[in-house]
Amino acid sequence: MAASYDFPQDLTDAQDELRQLRADLQTVYRRVPWSAEPLEAWETHENAWRPSSRPASPGWDPQDAAQIARLRARELELATAIVTHAYWSEFAPADVLAARDALKHHHEQQMAGASS
């Protein structure tokens, strides 16, 4: 049976916000052009071992660039807060990895527990 952890509320809140923020960031990345800067279309040469190409990119508009910068800055803040949280000092170094992994999946466990 997997170990059970009593995570502090601020830690689970930060992890939940990080999970949602990363989903939001993925949504934005799917919407914007492939390149942040305007670039011409390109294609690998015909003998490439893995042919690839990209259409021309107009670059990101300033609003999208600002939104992405804001989301990435918040992502860094949250990740730093989670990794440096005092809660981890309660664990032996060999046990921190399992505890952090459990935190990453606590949302899934809550959802599974709510549906039972």
N, C-alpha and C. Protein backbone atom coordinates (compact mmCIF):
# COMPACT_ATOMS: atom_id res chain seq x y z
N MET A 1 0.84 -1.18 0.00
CA MET A 1 0.00 0.00 0.00
C MET A 1 0.88 1.24 0.00
N ALA A 2 0.51 2.22 -0.77
CA ALA A 2 1.27 3.46 -0.87
C ALA A 2 1.17 4.24 0.43
N ALA A 3 2.24 4.95 0.74
CA ALA A 3 2.25 5.77 1.96
C ALA A 3 1.22 6.89 1.84
N SER A 4 0.69 7.28 2.99
CA SER A 4 -0.28 8.37 3.04
C SER A 4 0.43 9.60 3.61
N TYR A 5 0.15 10.75 3.04
CA TYR A 5 0.81 11.98 3.45
C TYR A 5 -0.24 13.00 3.87
N ASP A 6 0.10 13.77 4.87
CA ASP A 6 -0.77 14.84 5.34
C ASP A 6 -0.18 16.16 4.88
N PHE A 7 -0.40 16.49 3.61
CA PHE A 7 0.18 17.70 3.04
C PHE A 7 -0.49 18.94 3.61
N PRO A 8 0.31 19.98 3.88
CA PRO A 8 -0.29 21.23 4.32
C PRO A 8 -1.15 21.84 3.21
N GLN A 9 -2.18 22.55 3.59
CA GLN A 9 -3.13 23.12 2.61
C GLN A 9 -2.44 24.05 1.62
N ASP A 10 -1.50 24.87 2.07
CA ASP A 10 -0.84 25.80 1.15
C ASP A 10 -0.03 25.05 0.09
N LEU A 11 0.49 23.89 0.46
CA LEU A 11 1.26 23.09 -0.49
C LEU A 11 0.34 22.45 -1.54
N THR A 12 -0.78 21.90 -1.10
CA THR A 12 -1.72 21.31 -2.08
C THR A 12 -2.36 22.40 -2.93
N ASP A 13 -2.62 23.56 -2.36
CA ASP A 13 -3.16 24.67 -3.15
C ASP A 13 -2.17 25.09 -4.24
N ALA A 14 -0.90 25.19 -3.87
CA ALA A 14 0.12 25.57 -4.85
C ALA A 14 0.23 24.51 -5.95
N GLN A 15 0.19 23.23 -5.58
CA GLN A 15 0.27 22.16 -6.57
C GLN A 15 -0.94 22.18 -7.50
N ASP A 16 -2.13 22.41 -6.93
CA ASP A 16 -3.34 22.49 -7.76
C ASP A 16 -3.27 23.66 -8.72
N GLU A 17 -2.81 24.81 -8.22
CA GLU A 17 -2.69 25.98 -9.09
C GLU A 17 -1.67 25.73 -10.19
N LEU A 18 -0.57 25.07 -9.85
CA LEU A 18 0.46 24.76 -10.84
C LEU A 18 -0.08 23.83 -11.91
N ARG A 19 -0.84 22.83 -11.51
CA ARG A 19 -1.43 21.89 -12.47
C ARG A 19 -2.36 22.63 -13.43
N GLN A 20 -3.22 23.49 -12.89
CA GLN A 20 -4.15 24.25 -13.72
C GLN A 20 -3.41 25.25 -14.61
N LEU A 21 -2.41 25.90 -14.07
CA LEU A 21 -1.64 26.87 -14.84
C LEU A 21 -0.95 26.19 -16.02
N ARG A 22 -0.40 25.02 -15.81
CA ARG A 22 0.26 24.30 -16.90
C ARG A 22 -0.74 23.88 -17.98
N ALA A 23 -1.94 23.53 -17.58
CA ALA A 23 -2.98 23.21 -18.57
C ALA A 23 -3.35 24.47 -19.35
N ASP A 24 -3.46 25.61 -18.67
CA ASP A 24 -3.76 26.87 -19.35
C ASP A 24 -2.65 27.25 -20.32
N LEU A 25 -1.42 27.04 -19.90
CA LEU A 25 -0.27 27.35 -20.75
C LEU A 25 -0.27 26.48 -21.99
N GLN A 26 -0.59 25.22 -21.85
CA GLN A 26 -0.68 24.32 -23.00
C GLN A 26 -1.76 24.79 -23.98
N THR A 27 -2.87 25.26 -23.45
CA THR A 27 -3.95 25.76 -24.30
C THR A 27 -3.47 26.97 -25.11
N VAL A 28 -2.75 27.86 -24.47
CA VAL A 28 -2.23 29.04 -25.17
C VAL A 28 -1.22 28.61 -26.22
N TYR A 29 -0.30 27.71 -25.87
CA TYR A 29 0.71 27.24 -26.82
C TYR A 29 0.08 26.60 -28.05
N ARG A 30 -1.04 25.92 -27.89
CA ARG A 30 -1.71 25.30 -29.05
C ARG A 30 -2.33 26.36 -29.96
N ARG A 31 -2.68 27.50 -29.38
CA ARG A 31 -3.37 28.54 -30.12
C ARG A 31 -2.41 29.46 -30.89
N VAL A 32 -1.24 29.72 -30.35
CA VAL A 32 -0.32 30.68 -30.95
C VAL A 32 0.51 30.03 -32.05
N PRO A 33 1.10 30.84 -32.92
CA PRO A 33 1.97 30.28 -33.96
C PRO A 33 3.15 29.52 -33.33
N TRP A 34 3.77 28.66 -34.11
CA TRP A 34 4.83 27.79 -33.60
C TRP A 34 6.06 28.56 -33.16
N SER A 35 6.28 29.75 -33.69
CA SER A 35 7.46 30.54 -33.35
C SER A 35 7.05 31.85 -32.69
N ALA A 36 7.74 32.21 -31.64
CA ALA A 36 7.46 33.48 -30.95
C ALA A 36 7.84 34.66 -31.83
N GLU A 37 8.85 34.49 -32.64
CA GLU A 37 9.32 35.55 -33.55
C GLU A 37 8.89 35.21 -34.97
N PRO A 38 8.67 36.23 -35.81
CA PRO A 38 8.34 35.95 -37.22
C PRO A 38 9.47 35.16 -37.89
N LEU A 39 9.11 34.06 -38.53
CA LEU A 39 10.08 33.25 -39.25
C LEU A 39 9.46 32.75 -40.55
N GLU A 40 10.32 32.55 -41.53
CA GLU A 40 9.86 32.02 -42.80
C GLU A 40 9.60 30.52 -42.67
N ALA A 41 8.84 30.01 -43.61
CA ALA A 41 8.58 28.57 -43.64
C ALA A 41 9.90 27.84 -43.93
N TRP A 42 9.97 26.59 -43.48
CA TRP A 42 11.16 25.79 -43.78
C TRP A 42 10.79 24.33 -43.94
N GLU A 43 11.70 23.63 -44.57
CA GLU A 43 11.49 22.21 -44.84
C GLU A 43 12.86 21.54 -44.88
N THR A 44 12.96 20.32 -44.34
CA THR A 44 14.23 19.61 -44.39
C THR A 44 14.49 19.19 -45.83
N HIS A 45 15.74 18.92 -46.13
CA HIS A 45 16.07 18.49 -47.50
C HIS A 45 15.52 17.10 -47.77
N GLU A 46 15.47 16.73 -49.02
CA GLU A 46 14.80 15.49 -49.43
C GLU A 46 15.45 14.22 -48.89
N ASN A 47 16.73 14.26 -48.52
CA ASN A 47 17.41 13.07 -48.00
C ASN A 47 17.48 13.05 -46.46
N ALA A 48 16.74 13.90 -45.84
CA ALA A 48 16.77 13.93 -44.37
C ALA A 48 16.24 12.61 -43.82
N TRP A 49 16.84 12.14 -42.75
CA TRP A 49 16.39 10.87 -42.17
C TRP A 49 15.01 11.00 -41.57
N ARG A 50 14.63 12.22 -41.21
CA ARG A 50 13.29 12.46 -40.66
C ARG A 50 12.76 13.76 -41.26
N PRO A 51 12.04 13.65 -42.35
CA PRO A 51 11.54 14.86 -42.99
C PRO A 51 10.65 15.67 -42.05
N SER A 52 10.81 16.98 -42.12
CA SER A 52 10.05 17.87 -41.25
C SER A 52 9.88 19.20 -41.95
N SER A 53 8.84 19.92 -41.56
CA SER A 53 8.63 21.25 -42.13
C SER A 53 7.77 22.07 -41.18
N ARG A 54 7.79 23.36 -41.39
CA ARG A 54 6.95 24.29 -40.64
C ARG A 54 6.47 25.37 -41.59
N PRO A 55 5.23 25.81 -41.42
CA PRO A 55 4.75 26.92 -42.23
C PRO A 55 5.36 28.23 -41.71
N ALA A 56 5.21 29.28 -42.48
CA ALA A 56 5.69 30.59 -42.03
C ALA A 56 4.96 30.96 -40.74
N SER A 57 5.68 31.63 -39.87
CA SER A 57 5.09 32.05 -38.59
C SER A 57 5.12 33.58 -38.51
N PRO A 58 3.97 34.17 -38.24
CA PRO A 58 3.96 35.63 -38.07
C PRO A 58 4.50 36.05 -36.70
N GLY A 59 4.77 35.08 -35.84
CA GLY A 59 5.21 35.38 -34.48
C GLY A 59 4.00 35.59 -33.57
N TRP A 60 4.27 35.70 -32.30
CA TRP A 60 3.20 35.91 -31.33
C TRP A 60 2.82 37.37 -31.29
N ASP A 61 1.54 37.64 -31.13
CA ASP A 61 1.16 39.04 -30.97
C ASP A 61 1.52 39.47 -29.54
N PRO A 62 1.64 40.76 -29.29
CA PRO A 62 2.09 41.23 -27.98
C PRO A 62 1.22 40.75 -26.81
N GLN A 63 -0.08 40.63 -27.02
CA GLN A 63 -0.96 40.17 -25.94
C GLN A 63 -0.66 38.72 -25.59
N ASP A 64 -0.47 37.88 -26.61
CA ASP A 64 -0.15 36.47 -26.35
C ASP A 64 1.22 36.35 -25.68
N ALA A 65 2.20 37.13 -26.16
CA ALA A 65 3.53 37.09 -25.56
C ALA A 65 3.48 37.51 -24.10
N ALA A 66 2.69 38.53 -23.79
CA ALA A 66 2.57 38.99 -22.40
C ALA A 66 1.88 37.94 -21.55
N GLN A 67 0.84 37.30 -22.09
CA GLN A 67 0.13 36.27 -21.34
C GLN A 67 1.05 35.09 -21.05
N ILE A 68 1.81 34.67 -22.04
CA ILE A 68 2.72 33.55 -21.86
C ILE A 68 3.81 33.90 -20.85
N ALA A 69 4.34 35.11 -20.93
CA ALA A 69 5.36 35.54 -19.98
C ALA A 69 4.80 35.55 -18.56
N ARG A 70 3.58 36.03 -18.40
CA ARG A 70 2.95 36.08 -17.09
C ARG A 70 2.72 34.66 -16.54
N LEU A 71 2.22 33.77 -17.39
CA LEU A 71 1.97 32.38 -16.96
C LEU A 71 3.28 31.67 -16.60
N ARG A 72 4.31 31.88 -17.41
CA ARG A 72 5.59 31.22 -17.13
C ARG A 72 6.24 31.76 -15.86
N ALA A 73 6.09 33.05 -15.60
CA ALA A 73 6.63 33.62 -14.37
C ALA A 73 5.91 33.04 -13.15
N ARG A 74 4.60 32.92 -13.25
CA ARG A 74 3.83 32.35 -12.14
C ARG A 74 4.17 30.87 -11.97
N GLU A 75 4.38 30.17 -13.08
CA GLU A 75 4.77 28.76 -13.02
C GLU A 75 6.08 28.60 -12.25
N LEU A 76 7.03 29.47 -12.51
CA LEU A 76 8.31 29.43 -11.82
C LEU A 76 8.14 29.72 -10.33
N GLU A 77 7.31 30.71 -10.00
CA GLU A 77 7.04 31.03 -8.59
C GLU A 77 6.45 29.83 -7.85
N LEU A 78 5.45 29.22 -8.47
CA LEU A 78 4.79 28.08 -7.83
C LEU A 78 5.72 26.89 -7.68
N ALA A 79 6.47 26.57 -8.73
CA ALA A 79 7.39 25.44 -8.67
C ALA A 79 8.45 25.67 -7.59
N THR A 80 8.94 26.90 -7.49
CA THR A 80 9.93 27.22 -6.46
C THR A 80 9.32 27.08 -5.07
N ALA A 81 8.11 27.59 -4.90
CA ALA A 81 7.45 27.49 -3.59
C ALA A 81 7.22 26.04 -3.19
N ILE A 82 6.86 25.20 -4.14
CA ILE A 82 6.61 23.79 -3.85
C ILE A 82 7.92 23.08 -3.48
N VAL A 83 8.94 23.26 -4.28
CA VAL A 83 10.20 22.55 -4.07
C VAL A 83 10.90 23.00 -2.78
N THR A 84 10.76 24.26 -2.41
CA THR A 84 11.46 24.77 -1.24
C THR A 84 10.59 24.81 0.02
N HIS A 85 9.39 24.24 -0.04
CA HIS A 85 8.47 24.28 1.10
C HIS A 85 9.10 23.57 2.31
N ALA A 86 8.87 24.12 3.48
CA ALA A 86 9.43 23.56 4.72
C ALA A 86 8.93 22.15 5.01
N TYR A 87 7.79 21.78 4.46
CA TYR A 87 7.23 20.44 4.68
C TYR A 87 8.22 19.34 4.33
N TRP A 88 9.02 19.54 3.28
CA TRP A 88 9.93 18.50 2.81
C TRP A 88 11.04 18.22 3.81
N SER A 89 11.30 19.14 4.72
CA SER A 89 12.37 18.93 5.71
C SER A 89 11.97 17.86 6.74
N GLU A 90 10.71 17.48 6.78
CA GLU A 90 10.24 16.44 7.70
C GLU A 90 10.65 15.04 7.25
N PHE A 91 11.13 14.92 6.03
CA PHE A 91 11.43 13.61 5.45
C PHE A 91 12.92 13.35 5.38
N ALA A 92 13.27 12.09 5.47
CA ALA A 92 14.64 11.69 5.18
C ALA A 92 14.87 11.91 3.69
N PRO A 93 16.07 12.26 3.31
CA PRO A 93 16.32 12.53 1.88
C PRO A 93 15.84 11.43 0.95
N ALA A 94 15.95 10.19 1.36
CA ALA A 94 15.55 9.08 0.51
C ALA A 94 14.03 9.00 0.33
N ASP A 95 13.26 9.66 1.21
CA ASP A 95 11.81 9.58 1.16
C ASP A 95 11.14 10.78 0.49
N VAL A 96 11.92 11.82 0.22
CA VAL A 96 11.35 13.05 -0.35
C VAL A 96 10.77 12.79 -1.74
N LEU A 97 11.44 12.03 -2.55
CA LEU A 97 10.97 11.78 -3.92
C LEU A 97 9.58 11.15 -3.92
N ALA A 98 9.36 10.15 -3.11
CA ALA A 98 8.04 9.50 -3.05
C ALA A 98 6.98 10.47 -2.57
N ALA A 99 7.32 11.30 -1.60
CA ALA A 99 6.36 12.27 -1.07
C ALA A 99 6.02 13.32 -2.13
N ARG A 100 7.02 13.80 -2.83
CA ARG A 100 6.76 14.79 -3.88
C ARG A 100 5.94 14.19 -5.02
N ASP A 101 6.22 12.95 -5.34
CA ASP A 101 5.43 12.27 -6.37
C ASP A 101 3.98 12.14 -5.92
N ALA A 102 3.77 11.83 -4.65
CA ALA A 102 2.41 11.72 -4.12
C ALA A 102 1.69 13.07 -4.21
N LEU A 103 2.41 14.15 -3.95
CA LEU A 103 1.81 15.48 -4.06
C LEU A 103 1.36 15.76 -5.49
N LYS A 104 2.18 15.38 -6.45
CA LYS A 104 1.82 15.60 -7.85
C LYS A 104 0.54 14.87 -8.23
N HIS A 105 0.27 13.76 -7.56
CA HIS A 105 -0.90 12.95 -7.91
C HIS A 105 -2.03 13.05 -6.89
N HIS A 106 -1.91 13.96 -5.93
CA HIS A 106 -2.95 14.02 -4.89
C HIS A 106 -4.30 14.42 -5.47
N HIS A 107 -4.30 15.24 -6.51
CA HIS A 107 -5.56 15.66 -7.13
C HIS A 107 -6.31 14.46 -7.71
N GLU A 108 -5.59 13.59 -8.37
CA GLU A 108 -6.20 12.38 -8.94
C GLU A 108 -6.78 11.51 -7.83
N GLN A 109 -6.06 11.40 -6.72
CA GLN A 109 -6.53 10.59 -5.60
C GLN A 109 -7.77 11.20 -4.97
N GLN A 110 -7.82 12.54 -4.87
CA GLN A 110 -9.01 13.21 -4.35
C GLN A 110 -10.20 12.98 -5.25
N MET A 111 -9.98 13.06 -6.56
CA MET A 111 -11.06 12.85 -7.51
C MET A 111 -11.57 11.40 -7.42
N ALA A 112 -10.67 10.46 -7.28
CA ALA A 112 -11.06 9.04 -7.17
C ALA A 112 -11.81 8.81 -5.87
N GLY A 113 -11.36 9.45 -4.79
CA GLY A 113 -12.03 9.29 -3.50
C GLY A 113 -13.40 9.93 -3.48
N ALA A 114 -13.59 11.02 -4.22
CA ALA A 114 -14.87 11.71 -4.27
C ALA A 114 -15.89 10.91 -5.07
N SER A 115 -15.43 10.13 -6.06
CA SER A 115 -16.36 9.38 -6.89
C SER A 115 -16.73 8.03 -6.29
N SER A 116 -16.02 7.60 -5.22
CA SER A 116 -16.38 6.32 -4.62
C SER A 116 -17.47 6.43 -3.59
